Structure formats: structure tokens, C-alpha cells
Amino acid sequence: MERKQFELGDIVRMKKQHPCGSYLWQVVRMGADIKIKCQGCKRLVMLPRMEFERRLVKVEKDQH
């Protein structure tokens, strides 16, 4: 299976909806863990890279 390509600053769609109602998140930190910011309520969440890639549906918008 091909790994999904994403970069710092990208807006991504996740499988599960955040309690605030948003599916969209912005990638704000990359490394072994990925930190993402909800585009609805601006909450920050940090996930292990493998879990993030499993939950990622697609990259909605590139920042570059």
C-alpha cells in the first residue's frame, strides 16, 4: 500500500469527525509524532505517525 503524501501546513481530512463537528485538520508539526490543529475549534492533538496515516483520508489543500 502506498503511503499518503502530506507536508507541514497541509489541510487534511480525517476519517472520524472531531466533537466540534469538523473533519479538517492542519498539520503543524511532523516527526515520529504528528501534531494537528482542528480547523473548527483550533484544538491541538498529537498522534503517532502510524495512527495518523491510518486515520488520514486525503489531503484537502496544500499550503505550498
Protein backbone atom coordinates (compact mmCIF):
# COMPACT_ATOMS: atom_id res chain seq x y z
CA MET A 1 0.00 0.00 0.00
CA GLU A 2 1.34 3.43 -0.96
CA ARG A 3 1.89 5.93 1.84
CA LYS A 4 -0.12 9.13 1.63
CA GLN A 5 1.91 12.26 0.91
CA PHE A 6 1.42 15.25 3.21
CA GLU A 7 3.57 18.18 4.27
CA LEU A 8 3.78 20.73 7.04
CA GLY A 9 0.92 23.23 6.74
CA ASP A 10 -1.38 20.99 4.66
CA ILE A 11 -5.09 20.79 5.45
CA VAL A 12 -6.12 17.12 5.73
CA ARG A 13 -9.44 15.26 6.06
CA MET A 14 -9.62 12.59 8.78
CA LYS A 15 -11.92 9.53 8.96
CA LYS A 16 -13.61 10.47 12.23
CA GLN A 17 -15.32 13.76 12.98
CA HIS A 18 -13.99 15.86 15.87
CA PRO A 19 -16.59 16.57 18.62
CA CYS A 20 -16.81 20.19 17.39
CA GLY A 21 -18.10 18.88 14.03
CA SER A 22 -15.03 19.40 11.81
CA TYR A 23 -13.28 16.74 9.70
CA LEU A 24 -10.50 19.14 8.62
CA TRP A 25 -7.15 19.48 10.38
CA GLN A 26 -3.92 21.39 9.65
CA VAL A 27 -0.56 19.62 10.04
CA VAL A 28 1.50 21.85 12.38
CA ARG A 29 4.39 19.51 13.39
CA MET A 30 5.96 16.48 11.77
CA GLY A 31 8.34 13.86 13.12
CA ALA A 32 7.81 10.50 14.80
CA ASP A 33 4.57 12.08 16.04
CA ILE A 34 2.29 14.34 14.01
CA LYS A 35 0.66 17.38 15.63
CA ILE A 36 -2.55 18.57 14.00
CA LYS A 37 -4.84 21.55 14.67
CA CYS A 38 -8.62 21.28 14.28
CA GLN A 39 -9.91 23.83 11.78
CA GLY A 40 -13.21 24.13 13.67
CA CYS A 41 -12.21 24.77 17.31
CA LYS A 42 -8.39 25.15 16.92
CA ARG A 43 -7.63 22.32 19.39
CA LEU A 44 -4.17 20.72 19.05
CA VAL A 45 -3.82 16.93 19.01
CA MET A 46 -0.65 14.85 18.73
CA LEU A 47 -0.79 11.35 17.19
CA PRO A 48 1.87 8.74 16.44
CA ARG A 49 2.72 8.83 12.72
CA MET A 50 1.31 5.34 12.01
CA GLU A 51 -2.03 6.15 13.66
CA PHE A 52 -2.23 9.49 11.82
CA GLU A 53 -1.60 7.82 8.45
CA ARG A 54 -4.23 5.17 9.20
CA ARG A 55 -6.85 7.84 10.04
CA LEU A 56 -5.98 10.16 7.13
CA VAL A 57 -8.49 10.10 4.25
CA LYS A 58 -6.92 12.69 1.92
CA VAL A 59 -5.05 15.96 1.66
CA GLU A 60 -7.67 18.64 1.01
CA LYS A 61 -5.42 21.65 0.38
CA ASP A 62 -1.66 22.14 0.05
CA GLN A 63 -0.18 25.23 1.70
CA HIS A 64 2.55 25.45 -0.97
